[in-house]
Protein backbone atom coordinates (compact mmCIF):
# COMPACT_ATOMS: atom_id res chain seq x y z
CA MET A 1 1.46 -19.33 -4.19
CA LYS A 2 4.47 -17.63 -5.74
CA ILE A 3 5.43 -14.05 -4.88
CA ALA A 4 8.01 -12.26 -7.03
CA ILE A 5 10.19 -9.88 -4.99
CA ASP A 6 12.44 -7.09 -6.22
CA ALA A 7 15.28 -7.84 -3.79
CA MET A 8 17.43 -4.92 -4.96
CA GLY A 9 14.84 -2.14 -4.65
CA GLY A 10 14.79 0.21 -1.66
CA ASP A 11 17.15 2.15 0.60
CA PHE A 12 18.28 -0.90 2.55
CA ALA A 13 18.20 -3.57 -0.14
CA PRO A 14 18.86 -6.39 -0.23
CA GLU A 15 19.37 -6.74 3.54
CA ASN A 16 15.97 -5.61 4.84
CA ILE A 17 14.14 -7.21 1.92
CA VAL A 18 15.71 -10.62 2.53
CA LYS A 19 15.37 -10.41 6.31
CA GLY A 20 11.70 -9.59 5.80
CA VAL A 21 11.37 -12.74 3.70
CA ASN A 22 13.01 -14.72 6.52
CA LEU A 23 10.33 -13.45 8.91
CA ALA A 24 7.43 -14.04 6.50
CA LYS A 25 8.57 -17.59 5.74
CA LYS A 26 7.89 -18.58 9.33
CA GLU A 27 4.17 -17.88 8.88
CA LEU A 28 3.49 -18.39 5.17
CA SER A 29 4.23 -22.06 4.63
CA ASP A 30 2.28 -22.22 1.35
CA VAL A 31 4.34 -19.53 -0.41
CA THR A 32 7.40 -19.77 -2.65
CA PHE A 33 9.41 -16.55 -2.56
CA GLN A 34 11.11 -15.59 -5.82
CA LEU A 35 13.98 -13.19 -5.11
CA TYR A 36 15.20 -11.21 -8.12
CA GLY A 37 18.65 -9.64 -7.90
CA ASP A 38 22.30 -10.30 -7.10
CA GLY A 39 22.36 -13.87 -5.81
CA ALA A 40 25.60 -13.50 -3.83
CA LYS A 41 24.30 -10.43 -1.96
CA ILE A 42 20.90 -12.04 -1.38
CA ARG A 43 22.43 -15.20 0.12
CA GLN A 44 24.37 -13.13 2.68
CA PHE A 45 21.12 -12.46 4.53
CA LEU A 46 19.06 -15.61 3.89
CA ASP A 47 18.50 -17.93 6.86
CA ASP A 48 18.11 -20.84 4.43
CA GLU A 49 16.86 -21.47 0.91
CA THR A 50 13.76 -23.45 1.78
CA ALA A 51 10.82 -22.18 -0.32
CA ILE A 52 13.20 -19.72 -2.00
CA GLU A 53 13.97 -19.24 -5.69
CA ILE A 54 16.82 -16.86 -6.51
CA ILE A 55 16.70 -15.38 -10.02
CA GLU A 56 19.89 -13.61 -11.05
CA THR A 57 19.56 -10.12 -12.56
CA THR A 58 22.25 -7.70 -13.66
CA GLU A 59 20.56 -4.27 -13.42
CA VAL A 60 18.85 -2.08 -10.82
CA ILE A 61 16.39 0.75 -11.47
CA ASP A 62 17.40 3.82 -9.48
CA PHE A 63 14.94 6.26 -7.89
CA HIS A 64 16.30 8.95 -10.21
CA ASP A 65 15.69 6.96 -13.40
CA ASP A 66 12.87 8.03 -15.68
CA PRO A 67 10.23 5.31 -15.12
CA VAL A 68 9.22 4.70 -18.75
CA ALA A 69 12.78 4.87 -20.07
CA ALA A 70 14.01 2.57 -17.29
CA ILE A 71 11.34 -0.07 -17.95
CA LYS A 72 12.28 -0.12 -21.64
CA SER A 73 16.06 0.04 -21.26
CA LYS A 74 16.72 -1.98 -18.09
CA LYS A 75 14.90 -5.17 -19.00
CA ASP A 76 17.23 -7.25 -16.82
CA SER A 77 16.60 -5.14 -13.72
CA SER A 78 15.28 -6.86 -10.60
CA LEU A 79 12.07 -4.79 -10.74
CA VAL A 80 11.25 -5.45 -14.40
CA ARG A 81 12.08 -9.15 -14.16
CA ALA A 82 9.88 -9.54 -11.06
CA VAL A 83 6.90 -7.80 -12.70
CA THR A 84 7.46 -9.73 -15.94
CA ALA A 85 7.18 -12.96 -13.95
CA VAL A 86 3.62 -11.97 -13.01
CA LYS A 87 2.86 -11.09 -16.61
CA LYS A 88 4.06 -14.54 -17.72
CA ARG A 89 2.16 -16.18 -14.83
CA GLU A 90 5.40 -17.51 -13.38
CA ALA A 91 4.41 -15.67 -10.18
CA ASP A 92 1.06 -14.63 -8.71
CA ALA A 93 2.02 -11.22 -7.29
CA VAL A 94 4.94 -8.81 -6.99
CA LEU A 95 6.49 -6.73 -4.21
CA SER A 96 9.05 -3.93 -4.56
CA ALA A 97 10.46 -1.24 -2.28
CA GLY A 98 12.11 0.44 -5.27
CA SER A 99 11.01 3.30 -7.49
CA THR A 100 7.28 3.96 -7.16
CA GLY A 101 7.04 5.43 -10.64
CA ALA A 102 8.86 2.50 -12.22
CA LEU A 103 6.70 -0.06 -10.40
CA LEU A 104 3.44 1.67 -11.37
CA THR A 105 4.62 2.00 -14.97
CA ALA A 106 5.69 -1.64 -15.11
CA GLY A 107 2.40 -2.71 -13.56
CA LEU A 108 0.40 -0.83 -16.19
CA MET A 109 2.58 -1.92 -19.11
CA LEU A 110 3.08 -5.56 -18.14
CA VAL A 111 0.41 -6.75 -15.68
CA LYS A 112 -2.27 -4.54 -17.30
CA ARG A 113 -5.31 -2.87 -15.79
CA ILE A 114 -8.65 -4.55 -15.26
CA LYS A 115 -11.04 -3.92 -18.13
CA GLN A 116 -13.36 -0.97 -17.40
CA VAL A 117 -10.99 0.42 -14.74
CA SER A 118 -9.65 3.49 -16.50
CA ARG A 119 -7.31 4.59 -13.69
CA PRO A 120 -5.80 2.08 -11.24
CA ALA A 121 -4.99 3.68 -7.88
CA LEU A 122 -2.35 3.45 -5.19
CA MET A 123 -3.92 2.50 -1.86
CA SER A 124 -2.54 2.08 1.64
CA THR A 125 -3.92 1.25 5.07
CA LEU A 126 -3.37 4.15 7.49
CA PRO A 127 -3.70 4.09 11.30
CA THR A 128 -6.64 5.27 13.41
CA ALA A 129 -6.96 5.89 17.15
CA ASP A 130 -9.04 2.73 17.64
CA GLY A 131 -6.45 0.54 15.88
CA ARG A 132 -8.88 -0.41 13.11
CA GLY A 133 -7.21 1.67 10.38
CA PHE A 134 -8.63 2.88 7.09
CA ASP A 135 -7.77 2.36 3.42
CA MET A 136 -7.17 5.52 1.41
CA LEU A 137 -6.88 5.87 -2.35
CA ASP A 138 -5.57 7.35 -4.56
CA LEU A 139 -2.21 8.14 -2.93
CA GLY A 140 -0.49 9.47 -6.00
CA ALA A 141 -0.82 7.17 -8.99
CA ASN A 142 -2.88 9.95 -10.61
CA THR A 143 -2.70 13.67 -9.90
CA GLU A 144 -6.06 14.54 -11.45
CA ASN A 145 -9.23 12.47 -11.48
CA THR A 146 -12.78 12.61 -12.80
CA ALA A 147 -15.88 11.72 -10.80
CA HIS A 148 -16.03 8.32 -12.54
CA HIS A 149 -12.44 7.62 -11.49
CA LEU A 150 -13.43 8.32 -7.87
CA VAL A 151 -16.39 5.95 -8.21
CA ASP A 152 -14.04 3.23 -9.48
CA PHE A 153 -11.73 3.91 -6.52
CA ALA A 154 -14.66 3.47 -4.14
CA ILE A 155 -15.44 0.06 -5.61
CA LEU A 156 -11.77 -1.03 -5.59
CA GLY A 157 -11.28 0.10 -1.99
CA SER A 158 -14.51 -1.47 -0.78
CA TYR A 159 -13.63 -4.87 -2.28
CA TYR A 160 -10.16 -4.69 -0.74
CA ALA A 161 -11.39 -3.74 2.74
CA GLU A 162 -13.99 -6.51 2.73
CA ASN A 163 -11.89 -9.30 1.24
CA VAL A 164 -8.38 -8.57 2.50
CA ARG A 165 -9.04 -6.79 5.80
CA GLY A 166 -12.22 -8.72 6.64
CA ILE A 167 -14.46 -5.69 7.22
CA GLU A 168 -18.12 -6.44 6.63
CA LYS A 169 -19.86 -3.71 4.61
CA PRO A 170 -16.94 -1.26 4.85
CA ARG A 171 -17.95 2.38 5.21
CA VAL A 172 -16.85 4.33 2.13
CA ALA A 173 -16.46 8.12 2.21
CA LEU A 174 -15.28 10.93 -0.07
CA ILE A 175 -12.73 13.49 1.12
CA SER A 176 -14.30 16.95 1.03
CA ASN A 177 -14.14 20.34 2.74
CA GLY A 178 -17.33 19.58 4.64
CA SER A 179 -19.52 16.61 5.50
CA GLU A 180 -22.59 18.13 3.86
CA GLU A 181 -23.68 16.81 0.48
CA SER A 182 -23.47 20.33 -0.95
CA LYS A 183 -19.76 20.71 -0.09
CA GLY A 184 -16.82 19.89 -2.33
CA SER A 185 -15.52 20.52 -5.83
CA PRO A 186 -17.73 19.84 -8.86
CA THR A 187 -15.90 16.50 -9.26
CA VAL A 188 -16.59 15.49 -5.65
CA LYS A 189 -20.25 16.54 -5.91
CA GLU A 190 -20.72 14.50 -9.08
CA ALA A 191 -19.03 11.46 -7.53
CA HIS A 192 -21.21 11.88 -4.42
CA GLU A 193 -24.36 11.80 -6.54
CA ILE A 194 -23.29 8.64 -8.39
CA LEU A 195 -22.15 6.82 -5.24
CA SER A 196 -25.35 7.73 -3.37
CA ALA A 197 -27.37 5.85 -5.99
CA MET A 198 -25.23 2.69 -5.81
CA THR A 199 -26.40 -0.24 -3.70
CA GLU A 200 -23.32 -2.49 -3.95
CA ILE A 201 -21.18 -0.38 -1.63
CA ASN A 202 -21.83 1.18 1.78
CA PHE A 203 -21.36 4.86 0.90
CA ILE A 204 -21.68 7.13 3.95
CA GLY A 205 -21.07 10.49 2.27
CA ASN A 206 -18.33 13.07 2.70
CA ILE A 207 -15.64 13.09 5.36
CA GLU A 208 -13.29 15.90 6.42
CA SER A 209 -9.58 15.15 6.79
CA ARG A 210 -9.69 16.03 10.52
CA ASP A 211 -11.94 12.99 11.11
CA LEU A 212 -9.76 10.41 9.37
CA LEU A 213 -7.65 9.32 12.35
CA SER A 214 -10.69 8.98 14.61
CA GLY A 215 -12.02 6.16 12.43
CA GLY A 216 -14.82 7.94 10.61
CA ALA A 217 -14.64 5.62 7.59
CA ASP A 218 -13.09 2.32 6.49
CA VAL A 219 -12.35 3.41 2.91
CA VAL A 220 -11.51 7.01 2.04
CA VAL A 221 -11.60 8.12 -1.59
CA THR A 222 -9.90 11.15 -3.11
CA ASP A 223 -7.81 12.25 -6.08
CA GLY A 224 -4.14 11.29 -6.17
CA PHE A 225 -2.77 14.77 -5.46
CA THR A 226 -4.91 15.24 -2.33
CA GLY A 227 -4.39 11.68 -1.12
CA ASN A 228 -0.62 11.92 -1.42
CA ALA A 229 -0.57 15.23 0.46
CA ILE A 230 -2.81 13.92 3.27
CA SER A 231 -0.88 10.66 3.76
CA LYS A 232 2.46 12.50 3.95
CA ALA A 233 0.98 15.04 6.38
CA ILE A 234 -0.19 12.19 8.65
CA GLU A 235 3.20 10.47 8.46
CA GLY A 236 5.08 13.72 9.15
CA THR A 237 2.81 14.73 12.02
CA ALA A 238 3.22 11.35 13.72
CA THR A 239 7.01 11.54 13.43
CA VAL A 240 7.22 15.10 14.79
CA LEU A 241 4.75 14.35 17.59
CA MET A 242 6.83 11.44 18.91
CA LYS A 243 10.05 13.48 18.71
CA GLU A 244 8.48 16.45 20.53
CA ILE A 245 7.13 14.27 23.33
CA LYS A 246 10.57 12.72 23.82
CA SER A 247 12.29 16.12 23.70
CA ALA A 248 9.86 17.60 26.24
CA ILE A 249 10.52 14.75 28.66
CA MET A 250 14.31 14.88 28.26
CA ALA A 251 14.38 18.69 28.68
CA GLY A 252 12.17 18.64 31.75
CA SER A 253 12.87 18.41 35.46
CA VAL A 254 13.79 15.28 37.36
CA THR A 255 10.10 14.81 38.16
CA THR A 256 9.27 15.08 34.45
CA LYS A 257 11.91 12.47 33.62
CA ILE A 258 10.52 10.11 36.26
CA GLY A 259 7.06 10.63 34.76
CA GLY A 260 8.55 9.84 31.37
CA VAL A 261 9.82 6.51 32.66
CA LEU A 262 6.39 5.72 34.08
CA ILE A 263 4.61 6.40 30.77
CA LYS A 264 7.27 4.73 28.60
CA LYS A 265 5.13 1.66 27.97
CA PRO A 266 1.96 3.61 26.97
CA LEU A 267 4.08 5.83 24.70
CA SER A 268 5.56 2.74 23.10
CA GLY A 269 2.02 1.59 22.37
CA LEU A 270 1.26 4.97 20.77
CA LYS A 271 4.39 4.67 18.63
CA ASP A 272 3.31 1.21 17.48
CA LEU A 273 -0.19 2.50 16.72
CA MET A 274 1.15 5.28 14.48
CA SER A 275 3.74 3.05 12.82
CA THR A 276 3.04 1.74 9.32
CA ASP A 277 5.33 -1.28 9.76
CA GLY A 278 2.44 -3.61 10.49
CA ALA A 279 0.11 -2.26 7.80
CA GLY A 280 1.92 -3.69 4.78
CA GLY A 281 2.66 -1.83 1.57
CA ALA A 282 0.68 0.34 -0.82
CA ALA A 283 -1.34 -1.83 -3.20
CA PHE A 284 -1.70 -0.73 -6.82
CA VAL A 285 -5.37 -1.70 -7.11
CA GLY A 286 -7.16 -2.00 -10.42
CA LEU A 287 -4.58 -4.28 -12.04
CA LYS A 288 -5.18 -7.93 -12.98
CA ALA A 289 -2.83 -9.21 -10.25
CA PRO A 290 -1.50 -7.86 -6.94
CA VAL A 291 1.29 -5.30 -7.32
CA VAL A 292 2.44 -3.91 -3.95
CA LYS A 293 4.87 -1.08 -3.22
CA ALA A 294 6.71 -1.09 0.11
CA HIS A 295 8.21 2.14 1.46
CA GLY A 296 11.76 2.76 0.27
CA ASN A 297 13.12 2.73 3.83
CA SER A 298 11.05 -0.28 4.93
CA SER A 299 12.27 -2.28 7.91
CA GLU A 300 12.35 -6.07 7.76
CA LEU A 301 9.10 -6.08 9.76
CA ALA A 302 7.43 -3.82 7.17
CA ILE A 303 8.57 -6.14 4.35
CA ALA A 304 7.20 -9.18 6.21
CA SER A 305 3.89 -7.34 6.75
CA ALA A 306 3.70 -6.51 3.04
CA LEU A 307 4.26 -10.16 2.14
CA LYS A 308 1.49 -11.23 4.53
CA GLN A 309 -0.73 -8.57 2.96
CA ILE A 310 -0.06 -10.04 -0.50
CA HIS A 311 -0.81 -13.51 0.85
CA LYS A 312 -4.25 -12.29 2.00
CA MET A 313 -4.85 -10.67 -1.38
CA LEU A 314 -4.09 -13.94 -3.15
CA GLU A 315 -5.94 -16.10 -0.62
CA SER A 316 -9.11 -13.99 -0.95
CA ASP A 317 -8.69 -13.66 -4.76
CA VAL A 318 -9.62 -9.99 -4.47
CA SER A 319 -8.12 -9.23 -7.90
CA GLY A 320 -10.16 -12.02 -9.50
CA LYS A 321 -13.36 -10.78 -7.86
CA LEU A 322 -12.70 -7.24 -9.11
CA VAL A 323 -12.10 -8.53 -12.64
CA LYS A 324 -15.51 -10.26 -12.53
CA HIS A 325 -17.23 -7.18 -11.10
CA PHE A 326 -16.01 -4.84 -13.79
CA GLU A 327 -16.50 -7.40 -16.58
CA ASN A 328 -20.14 -7.73 -15.54
CA MET A 329 -20.57 -4.00 -16.11
CA ASP A 330 -20.46 -4.76 -19.85
CA LYS A 331 -23.39 -7.17 -19.64
């Protein structure tokens, strides 16, 4: 397997990107890592160059760059060169912690969407109280969606959960303002009707956002605007919650501080549970090959997790199976 990596994308590139590769190399012995970027800077952080290919590039796409303009004008950027490698089949998948808009645009323009998938979606695995997690899409690749887009998302998410995360008959649900079939916007109601008649996925109906973290579904489907807002609300709530617990302990009495020491280990477990470092990146599903976006401020552990996620995607050939599924819809 060959994974193309935008080594210059992200807040802490190339350091955290390369250190993440160092970690992933220890477990993924069947992968060649192609690092696109400034070779001298990349080598500063590499443990060694075993299973490494360094491809020199001269440009970097900034978060402030217009995605379409940047893809067309910065052809020697680390992001464009990495995605182009997948297009040319010089690599099997691509990872970037750089501009989300630029990566999605490059994925659509170069890797191309699967036939019959009109709107690829951005999907990520989010934490639940039981540690199982759930996949939610769309997280912002599209701001508005039709019922048929949501149906496509349900299929894409179900295949991913089953093949990459190993969940048998994953439970698929639609975000709505009530669990009843009659609740939701006209788009949600139409999607509910279509999904209820499908036998190839395990559709369980509507789910309210308050039930997401308790593990009510394995795949959660919504439009990109709503999904983006929910995912950021979960991330923000987790961050504030941990800070407030720490502040309450530090501002308390001596007894409170002693109690804080005693519950330090359980709290550390809670922090790990709510962390996205081990979940990997956000997969741009619906394209012909894996395109994965890591968070801009990803730690080296998060980068390593994203690379292991891509390895599972390639090992299970989830993209190939989705291509076959949607191609068969024409027959």
